[in-house]
Amino acid sequence: MTEDYKRKLINYFKKNLTKGYTADSLRFALMSQGYSRAVVESAIEQANKELAKKAPVIKEKPVIKYEIIDEYNKPIRIHQPWWKRLFGL
């Protein structure tokens, strides 16, 4: 198998995965056209690795804070029982 042949399959997977097709549907389509299972699987793995490199890295999760306010827009503090504070519930 030449590298050009495998590169074409990888590009095919990358293009169609970004369009929204599932890997299973693409795998089934290629194997029904006569491509070997091993070649298709290795091309899918390589395409997923290349797509993962382009994905943005999320550094931290956002912290969501909320508070309950009364009719005068002042925060209301709710005290938890001592046993919930102790066990972190």
PDB file of N, CA and C in Angstrom:
ATOM      1  N   MET A   1       0.856  -1.180   0.000  1.00  0.00           N
ATOM      2  CA  MET A   1       0.000   0.000   0.000  1.00  0.00           C
ATOM      3  C   MET A   1       0.903   1.246   0.000  1.00  0.00           C
ATOM      4  N   THR A   2       0.643   2.145  -0.901  1.00  0.00           N
ATOM      5  CA  THR A   2       1.459   3.351  -0.975  1.00  0.00           C
ATOM      6  C   THR A   2       0.966   4.381   0.036  1.00  0.00           C
ATOM      7  N   GLU A   3       1.857   5.295   0.339  1.00  0.00           N
ATOM      8  CA  GLU A   3       1.518   6.348   1.303  1.00  0.00           C
ATOM      9  C   GLU A   3       0.475   7.296   0.716  1.00  0.00           C
ATOM     10  N   ASP A   4       0.529   7.507  -0.594  1.00  0.00           N
ATOM     11  CA  ASP A   4      -0.437   8.388  -1.261  1.00  0.00           C
ATOM     12  C   ASP A   4      -1.860   7.816  -1.145  1.00  0.00           C
ATOM     13  N   TYR A   5      -1.971   6.507  -1.287  1.00  0.00           N
ATOM     14  CA  TYR A   5      -3.257   5.820  -1.169  1.00  0.00           C
ATOM     15  C   TYR A   5      -3.854   6.009   0.228  1.00  0.00           C
ATOM     16  N   LYS A   6      -3.023   5.816   1.238  1.00  0.00           N
ATOM     17  CA  LYS A   6      -3.485   5.966   2.617  1.00  0.00           C
ATOM     18  C   LYS A   6      -3.808   7.430   2.924  1.00  0.00           C
ATOM     19  N   ARG A   7      -3.025   8.365   2.398  1.00  0.00           N
ATOM     20  CA  ARG A   7      -3.253   9.789   2.625  1.00  0.00           C
ATOM     21  C   ARG A   7      -4.593  10.224   2.038  1.00  0.00           C
ATOM     22  N   LYS A   8      -4.970   9.666   0.885  1.00  0.00           N
ATOM     23  CA  LYS A   8      -6.265   9.983   0.279  1.00  0.00           C
ATOM     24  C   LYS A   8      -7.412   9.512   1.160  1.00  0.00           C
ATOM     25  N   LEU A   9      -7.270   8.320   1.738  1.00  0.00           N
ATOM     26  CA  LEU A   9      -8.305   7.824   2.652  1.00  0.00           C
ATOM     27  C   LEU A   9      -8.398   8.681   3.912  1.00  0.00           C
ATOM     28  N   ILE A  10      -7.260   9.083   4.447  1.00  0.00           N
ATOM     29  CA  ILE A  10      -7.250   9.926   5.650  1.00  0.00           C
ATOM     30  C   ILE A  10      -7.922  11.261   5.361  1.00  0.00           C
ATOM     31  N   ASN A  11      -7.604  11.858   4.229  1.00  0.00           N
ATOM     32  CA  ASN A  11      -8.244  13.124   3.861  1.00  0.00           C
ATOM     33  C   ASN A  11      -9.737  12.949   3.637  1.00  0.00           C
ATOM     34  N   TYR A  12     -10.122  11.813   3.065  1.00  0.00           N
ATOM     35  CA  TYR A  12     -11.545  11.508   2.878  1.00  0.00           C
ATOM     36  C   TYR A  12     -12.265  11.473   4.228  1.00  0.00           C
ATOM     37  N   PHE A  13     -11.670  10.799   5.200  1.00  0.00           N
ATOM     38  CA  PHE A  13     -12.284  10.718   6.527  1.00  0.00           C
ATOM     39  C   PHE A  13     -12.332  12.079   7.204  1.00  0.00           C
ATOM     40  N   LYS A  14     -11.257  12.824   7.131  1.00  0.00           N
ATOM     41  CA  LYS A  14     -11.227  14.141   7.780  1.00  0.00           C
ATOM     42  C   LYS A  14     -12.287  15.064   7.185  1.00  0.00           C
ATOM     43  N   LYS A  15     -12.404  15.072   5.869  1.00  0.00           N
ATOM     44  CA  LYS A  15     -13.369  15.936   5.196  1.00  0.00           C
ATOM     45  C   LYS A  15     -14.798  15.565   5.579  1.00  0.00           C
ATOM     46  N   ASN A  16     -15.102  14.266   5.564  1.00  0.00           N
ATOM     47  CA  ASN A  16     -16.475  13.838   5.835  1.00  0.00           C
ATOM     48  C   ASN A  16     -16.828  13.839   7.315  1.00  0.00           C
ATOM     49  N   LEU A  17     -15.850  13.637   8.190  1.00  0.00           N
ATOM     50  CA  LEU A  17     -16.134  13.741   9.623  1.00  0.00           C
ATOM     51  C   LEU A  17     -16.451  15.177  10.010  1.00  0.00           C
ATOM     52  N   THR A  18     -15.764  16.138   9.389  1.00  0.00           N
ATOM     53  CA  THR A  18     -16.058  17.539   9.696  1.00  0.00           C
ATOM     54  C   THR A  18     -17.401  17.965   9.115  1.00  0.00           C
ATOM     55  N   LYS A  19     -17.877  17.260   8.090  1.00  0.00           N
ATOM     56  CA  LYS A  19     -19.200  17.537   7.532  1.00  0.00           C
ATOM     57  C   LYS A  19     -20.313  17.002   8.429  1.00  0.00           C
ATOM     58  N   GLY A  20     -19.992  16.057   9.308  1.00  0.00           N
ATOM     59  CA  GLY A  20     -20.986  15.540  10.237  1.00  0.00           C
ATOM     60  C   GLY A  20     -21.313  14.074  10.053  1.00  0.00           C
ATOM     61  N   TYR A  21     -20.685  13.407   9.098  1.00  0.00           N
ATOM     62  CA  TYR A  21     -20.919  11.975   8.924  1.00  0.00           C
ATOM     63  C   TYR A  21     -20.267  11.212  10.070  1.00  0.00           C
ATOM     64  N   THR A  22     -20.858  10.091  10.436  1.00  0.00           N
ATOM     65  CA  THR A  22     -20.276   9.279  11.500  1.00  0.00           C
ATOM     66  C   THR A  22     -19.192   8.379  10.929  1.00  0.00           C
ATOM     67  N   ALA A  23     -18.276   7.973  11.789  1.00  0.00           N
ATOM     68  CA  ALA A  23     -17.189   7.094  11.357  1.00  0.00           C
ATOM     69  C   ALA A  23     -17.736   5.736  10.930  1.00  0.00           C
ATOM     70  N   ASP A  24     -18.796   5.275  11.584  1.00  0.00           N
ATOM     71  CA  ASP A  24     -19.380   3.985  11.223  1.00  0.00           C
ATOM     72  C   ASP A  24     -19.978   4.006   9.822  1.00  0.00           C
ATOM     73  N   SER A  25     -20.658   5.094   9.470  1.00  0.00           N
ATOM     74  CA  SER A  25     -21.255   5.157   8.137  1.00  0.00           C
ATOM     75  C   SER A  25     -20.171   5.232   7.063  1.00  0.00           C
ATOM     76  N   LEU A  26     -19.096   5.971   7.336  1.00  0.00           N
ATOM     77  CA  LEU A  26     -17.999   6.051   6.379  1.00  0.00           C
ATOM     78  C   LEU A  26     -17.277   4.708   6.261  1.00  0.00           C
ATOM     79  N   ARG A  27     -17.088   4.047   7.382  1.00  0.00           N
ATOM     80  CA  ARG A  27     -16.445   2.730   7.391  1.00  0.00           C
ATOM     81  C   ARG A  27     -17.261   1.738   6.561  1.00  0.00           C
ATOM     82  N   PHE A  28     -18.576   1.721   6.760  1.00  0.00           N
ATOM     83  CA  PHE A  28     -19.444   0.804   6.030  1.00  0.00           C
ATOM     84  C   PHE A  28     -19.421   1.103   4.537  1.00  0.00           C
ATOM     85  N   ALA A  29     -19.437   2.396   4.176  1.00  0.00           N
ATOM     86  CA  ALA A  29     -19.436   2.781   2.762  1.00  0.00           C
ATOM     87  C   ALA A  29     -18.153   2.325   2.069  1.00  0.00           C
ATOM     88  N   LEU A  30     -17.014   2.518   2.719  1.00  0.00           N
ATOM     89  CA  LEU A  30     -15.749   2.133   2.092  1.00  0.00           C
ATOM     90  C   LEU A  30     -15.589   0.622   2.011  1.00  0.00           C
ATOM     91  N   MET A  31     -15.999  -0.099   3.056  1.00  0.00           N
ATOM     92  CA  MET A  31     -15.857  -1.549   3.015  1.00  0.00           C
ATOM     93  C   MET A  31     -16.823  -2.173   2.005  1.00  0.00           C
ATOM     94  N   SER A  32     -17.966  -1.545   1.786  1.00  0.00           N
ATOM     95  CA  SER A  32     -18.882  -2.066   0.775  1.00  0.00           C
ATOM     96  C   SER A  32     -18.364  -1.786  -0.633  1.00  0.00           C
ATOM     97  N   GLN A  33     -17.442  -0.834  -0.758  1.00  0.00           N
ATOM     98  CA  GLN A  33     -16.827  -0.545  -2.054  1.00  0.00           C
ATOM     99  C   GLN A  33     -15.591  -1.398  -2.307  1.00  0.00           C
ATOM    100  N   GLY A  34     -15.194  -2.213  -1.328  1.00  0.00           N
ATOM    101  CA  GLY A  34     -14.100  -3.147  -1.543  1.00  0.00           C
ATOM    102  C   GLY A  34     -12.811  -2.836  -0.808  1.00  0.00           C
ATOM    103  N   TYR A  35     -12.779  -1.793   0.006  1.00  0.00           N
ATOM    104  CA  TYR A  35     -11.579  -1.479   0.774  1.00  0.00           C
ATOM    105  C   TYR A  35     -11.439  -2.473   1.915  1.00  0.00           C
ATOM    106  N   SER A  36     -10.208  -2.800   2.268  1.00  0.00           N
ATOM    107  CA  SER A  36     -10.002  -3.764   3.353  1.00  0.00           C
ATOM    108  C   SER A  36     -10.268  -3.111   4.704  1.00  0.00           C
ATOM    109  N   ARG A  37     -10.677  -3.923   5.646  1.00  0.00           N
ATOM    110  CA  ARG A  37     -11.027  -3.433   6.979  1.00  0.00           C
ATOM    111  C   ARG A  37      -9.810  -2.835   7.689  1.00  0.00           C
ATOM    112  N   ALA A  38      -8.659  -3.455   7.553  1.00  0.00           N
ATOM    113  CA  ALA A  38      -7.455  -2.982   8.246  1.00  0.00           C
ATOM    114  C   ALA A  38      -7.035  -1.606   7.729  1.00  0.00           C
ATOM    115  N   VAL A  39      -7.117  -1.397   6.430  1.00  0.00           N
ATOM    116  CA  VAL A  39      -6.724  -0.116   5.848  1.00  0.00           C
ATOM    117  C   VAL A  39      -7.689   0.973   6.290  1.00  0.00           C
ATOM    118  N   VAL A  40      -8.972   0.651   6.293  1.00  0.00           N
ATOM    119  CA  VAL A  40      -9.989   1.619   6.698  1.00  0.00           C
ATOM    120  C   VAL A  40      -9.827   1.987   8.167  1.00  0.00           C
ATOM    121  N   GLU A  41      -9.594   1.005   9.014  1.00  0.00           N
ATOM    122  CA  GLU A  41      -9.427   1.265  10.458  1.00  0.00           C
ATOM    123  C   GLU A  41      -8.203   2.124  10.733  1.00  0.00           C
ATOM    124  N   SER A  42      -7.092   1.829  10.059  1.00  0.00           N
ATOM    125  CA  SER A  42      -5.885   2.629  10.307  1.00  0.00           C
ATOM    126  C   SER A  42      -6.067   4.054   9.787  1.00  0.00           C
ATOM    127  N   ALA A  43      -6.800   4.227   8.693  1.00  0.00           N
ATOM    128  CA  ALA A  43      -7.053   5.573   8.178  1.00  0.00           C
ATOM    129  C   ALA A  43      -7.959   6.353   9.124  1.00  0.00           C
ATOM    130  N   ILE A  44      -8.949   5.686   9.713  1.00  0.00           N
ATOM    131  CA  ILE A  44      -9.835   6.355  10.683  1.00  0.00           C
ATOM    132  C   ILE A  44      -9.038   6.799  11.903  1.00  0.00           C
ATOM    133  N   GLU A  45      -8.191   5.933  12.411  1.00  0.00           N
ATOM    134  CA  GLU A  45      -7.377   6.279  13.583  1.00  0.00           C
ATOM    135  C   GLU A  45      -6.478   7.473  13.297  1.00  0.00           C
ATOM    136  N   GLN A  46      -5.827   7.467  12.145  1.00  0.00           N
ATOM    137  CA  GLN A  46      -4.930   8.562  11.795  1.00  0.00           C
ATOM    138  C   GLN A  46      -5.703   9.862  11.588  1.00  0.00           C
ATOM    139  N   ALA A  47      -6.883   9.784  10.965  1.00  0.00           N
ATOM    140  CA  ALA A  47      -7.705  10.980  10.759  1.00  0.00           C
ATOM    141  C   ALA A  47      -8.159  11.555  12.092  1.00  0.00           C
ATOM    142  N   ASN A  48      -8.547  10.692  13.024  1.00  0.00           N
ATOM    143  CA  ASN A  48      -8.960  11.167  14.352  1.00  0.00           C
ATOM    144  C   ASN A  48      -7.798  11.823  15.091  1.00  0.00           C
ATOM    145  N   LYS A  49      -6.602  11.274  14.951  1.00  0.00           N
ATOM    146  CA  LYS A  49      -5.435  11.873  15.603  1.00  0.00           C
ATOM    147  C   LYS A  49      -5.140  13.261  15.027  1.00  0.00           C
ATOM    148  N   GLU A  50      -5.234  13.379  13.703  1.00  0.00           N
ATOM    149  CA  GLU A  50      -4.959  14.666  13.071  1.00  0.00           C
ATOM    150  C   GLU A  50      -6.029  15.699  13.410  1.00  0.00           C
ATOM    151  N   LEU A  51      -7.284  15.267  13.490  1.00  0.00           N
ATOM    152  CA  LEU A  51      -8.353  16.190  13.869  1.00  0.00           C
ATOM    153  C   LEU A  51      -8.232  16.613  15.333  1.00  0.00           C
ATOM    154  N   ALA A  52      -7.750  15.701  16.174  1.00  0.00           N
ATOM    155  CA  ALA A  52      -7.590  16.022  17.595  1.00  0.00           C
ATOM    156  C   ALA A  52      -6.491  17.054  17.812  1.00  0.00           C
ATOM    157  N   LYS A  53      -5.480  17.047  16.968  1.00  0.00           N
ATOM    158  CA  LYS A  53      -4.405  18.034  17.095  1.00  0.00           C
ATOM    159  C   LYS A  53      -4.903  19.437  16.792  1.00  0.00           C
ATOM    160  N   LYS A  54      -5.904  19.563  15.902  1.00  0.00           N
ATOM    161  CA  LYS A  54      -6.421  20.870  15.522  1.00  0.00           C
ATOM    162  C   LYS A  54      -7.459  21.403  16.502  1.00  0.00           C
ATOM    163  N   ALA A  55      -7.986  20.541  17.352  1.00  0.00           N
ATOM    164  CA  ALA A  55      -9.028  20.953  18.294  1.00  0.00           C
ATOM    165  C   ALA A  55      -8.445  21.907  19.335  1.00  0.00           C
ATOM    166  N   PRO A  56      -9.198  22.930  19.722  1.00  0.00           N
ATOM    167  CA  PRO A  56      -8.687  23.863  20.731  1.00  0.00           C
ATOM    168  C   PRO A  56      -8.619  23.188  22.103  1.00  0.00           C
ATOM    169  N   VAL A  57      -7.617  23.562  22.861  1.00  0.00           N
ATOM    170  CA  VAL A  57      -7.421  23.010  24.199  1.00  0.00           C
ATOM    171  C   VAL A  57      -8.124  23.920  25.197  1.00  0.00           C
ATOM    172  N   ILE A  58      -9.011  23.336  25.978  1.00  0.00           N
ATOM    173  CA  ILE A  58      -9.716  24.094  27.006  1.00  0.00           C
ATOM    174  C   ILE A  58      -8.877  24.030  28.268  1.00  0.00           C
ATOM    175  N   LYS A  59      -8.470  25.197  28.741  1.00  0.00           N
ATOM    176  CA  LYS A  59      -7.548  25.240  29.867  1.00  0.00           C
ATOM    177  C   LYS A  59      -8.254  25.076  31.209  1.00  0.00           C
ATOM    178  N   GLU A  60      -9.409  25.673  31.355  1.00  0.00           N
ATOM    179  CA  GLU A  60     -10.108  25.558  32.636  1.00  0.00           C
ATOM    180  C   GLU A  60     -11.604  25.611  32.406  1.00  0.00           C
ATOM    181  N   LYS A  61     -12.305  25.043  33.338  1.00  0.00           N
ATOM    182  CA  LYS A  61     -13.757  25.052  33.261  1.00  0.00           C
ATOM    183  C   LYS A  61     -14.285  26.337  33.889  1.00  0.00           C
ATOM    184  N   PRO A  62     -15.359  26.874  33.349  1.00  0.00           N
ATOM    185  CA  PRO A  62     -15.917  28.081  33.966  1.00  0.00           C
ATOM    186  C   PRO A  62     -16.577  27.746  35.304  1.00  0.00           C
ATOM    187  N   VAL A  63     -16.497  28.676  36.220  1.00  0.00           N
ATOM    188  CA  VAL A  63     -17.104  28.509  37.536  1.00  0.00           C
ATOM    189  C   VAL A  63     -18.432  29.252  37.541  1.00  0.00           C
ATOM    190  N   ILE A  64     -19.474  28.534  37.841  1.00  0.00           N
ATOM    191  CA  ILE A  64     -20.804  29.138  37.859  1.00  0.00           C
ATOM    192  C   ILE A  64     -21.170  29.431  39.304  1.00  0.00           C
ATOM    193  N   LYS A  65     -21.423  30.686  39.577  1.00  0.00           N
ATOM    194  CA  LYS A  65     -21.816  31.101  40.912  1.00  0.00           C
ATOM    195  C   LYS A  65     -23.227  31.647  40.850  1.00  0.00           C
ATOM    196  N   TYR A  66     -23.967  31.399  41.875  1.00  0.00           N
ATOM    197  CA  TYR A  66     -25.324  31.931  41.930  1.00  0.00           C
ATOM    198  C   TYR A  66     -25.616  32.354  43.356  1.00  0.00           C
ATOM    199  N   GLU A  67     -26.559  33.268  43.470  1.00  0.00           N
ATOM    200  CA  GLU A  67     -26.976  33.709  44.792  1.00  0.00           C
ATOM    201  C   GLU A  67     -28.465  34.023  44.743  1.00  0.00           C
ATOM    202  N   ILE A  68     -29.094  33.901  45.880  1.00  0.00           N
ATOM    203  CA  ILE A  68     -30.514  34.198  46.001  1.00  0.00           C
ATOM    204  C   ILE A  68     -30.631  35.612  46.566  1.00  0.00           C
ATOM    205  N   ILE A  69     -31.461  36.404  45.903  1.00  0.00           N
ATOM    206  CA  ILE A  69     -31.626  37.783  46.374  1.00  0.00           C
ATOM    207  C   ILE A  69     -33.075  38.011  46.772  1.00  0.00           C
ATOM    208  N   ASP A  70     -33.274  38.940  47.701  1.00  0.00           N
ATOM    209  CA  ASP A  70     -34.630  39.246  48.142  1.00  0.00           C
ATOM    210  C   ASP A  70     -35.222  40.351  47.268  1.00  0.00           C
ATOM    211  N   GLU A  71     -36.390  40.837  47.651  1.00  0.00           N
ATOM    212  CA  GLU A  71     -37.065  41.851  46.830  1.00  0.00           C
ATOM    213  C   GLU A  71     -36.336  43.191  46.812  1.00  0.00           C
ATOM    214  N   TYR A  72     -35.369  43.399  47.721  1.00  0.00           N
ATOM    215  CA  TYR A  72     -34.594  44.637  47.762  1.00  0.00           C
ATOM    216  C   TYR A  72     -33.215  44.471  47.107  1.00  0.00           C
ATOM    217  N   ASN A  73     -33.028  43.409  46.357  1.00  0.00           N
ATOM    218  CA  ASN A  73     -31.775  43.088  45.669  1.00  0.00           C
ATOM    219  C   ASN A  73     -30.595  42.899  46.625  1.00  0.00           C
ATOM    220  N   LYS A  74     -30.872  42.377  47.798  1.00  0.00           N
ATOM    221  CA  LYS A  74     -29.812  42.045  48.743  1.00  0.00           C
ATOM    222  C   LYS A  74     -29.688  40.520  48.799  1.00  0.00           C
ATOM    223  N   PRO A  75     -28.470  40.020  48.825  1.00  0.00           N
ATOM    224  CA  PRO A  75     -28.308  38.561  48.836  1.00  0.00           C
ATOM    225  C   PRO A  75     -28.800  37.935  50.143  1.00  0.00           C
ATOM    226  N   ILE A  76     -29.430  36.780  50.001  1.00  0.00           N
ATOM    227  CA  ILE A  76     -29.905  36.016  51.150  1.00  0.00           C
ATOM    228  C   ILE A  76     -28.907  34.891  51.379  1.00  0.00           C
ATOM    229  N   ARG A  77     -28.464  34.763  52.599  1.00  0.00           N
ATOM    230  CA  ARG A  77     -27.495  33.726  52.943  1.00  0.00           C
ATOM    231  C   ARG A  77     -28.230  32.544  53.554  1.00  0.00           C
ATOM    232  N   ILE A  78     -28.042  31.388  52.977  1.00  0.00           N
ATOM    233  CA  ILE A  78     -28.683  30.177  53.484  1.00  0.00           C
ATOM    234  C   ILE A  78     -27.639  29.383  54.246  1.00  0.00           C
ATOM    235  N   HIS A  79     -27.933  29.101  55.495  1.00  0.00           N
ATOM    236  CA  HIS A  79     -27.017  28.350  56.339  1.00  0.00           C
ATOM    237  C   HIS A  79     -27.343  26.871  56.246  1.00  0.00           C
ATOM    238  N   GLN A  80     -26.324  26.092  55.987  1.00  0.00           N
ATOM    239  CA  GLN A  80     -26.500  24.651  55.930  1.00  0.00           C
ATOM    240  C   GLN A  80     -26.344  24.073  57.331  1.00  0.00           C
ATOM    241  N   PRO A  81     -27.010  22.972  57.601  1.00  0.00           N
ATOM    242  CA  PRO A  81     -26.807  22.311  58.890  1.00  0.00           C
ATOM    243  C   PRO A  81     -25.351  21.874  59.044  1.00  0.00           C
ATOM    244  N   TRP A  82     -24.931  21.713  60.276  1.00  0.00           N
ATOM    245  CA  TRP A  82     -23.530  21.400  60.542  1.00  0.00           C
ATOM    246  C   TRP A  82     -23.107  20.086  59.917  1.00  0.00           C
ATOM    247  N   TRP A  83     -24.008  19.101  59.821  1.00  0.00           N
ATOM    248  CA  TRP A  83     -23.626  17.810  59.287  1.00  0.00           C
ATOM    249  C   TRP A  83     -23.442  17.866  57.758  1.00  0.00           C
ATOM    250  N   LYS A  84     -24.152  18.752  57.065  1.00  0.00           N
ATOM    251  CA  LYS A  84     -23.933  18.909  55.626  1.00  0.00           C
ATOM    252  C   LYS A  84     -22.603  19.619  55.364  1.00  0.00           C
ATOM    253  N   ARG A  85     -22.260  20.571  56.204  1.00  0.00           N
ATOM    254  CA  ARG A  85     -20.967  21.236  56.037  1.00  0.00           C
ATOM    255  C   ARG A  85     -19.831  20.275  56.336  1.00  0.00           C
ATOM    256  N   LEU A  86     -20.023  19.401  57.321  1.00  0.00           N
ATOM    257  CA  LEU A  86     -18.998  18.440  57.703  1.00  0.00           C
ATOM    258  C   LEU A  86     -18.732  17.439  56.590  1.00  0.00           C
ATOM    259  N   PHE A  87     -19.797  16.904  55.983  1.00  0.00           N
ATOM    260  CA  PHE A  87     -19.628  15.891  54.942  1.00  0.00           C
ATOM    261  C   PHE A  87     -19.582  16.465  53.533  1.00  0.00           C
ATOM    262  N   GLY A  88     -19.728  17.768  53.390  1.00  0.00           N
ATOM    263  CA  GLY A  88     -19.633  18.404  52.093  1.00  0.00           C
ATOM    264  C   GLY A  88     -20.825  18.142  51.193  1.00  0.00           C
ATOM    265  N   LEU A  89     -21.976  17.956  51.751  1.00  0.00           N
ATOM    266  CA  LEU A  89     -23.184  17.714  50.947  1.00  0.00           C
ATOM    267  C   LEU A  89     -23.874  18.984  50.581  1.00  0.00           C
TER     268      LEU A  89
END
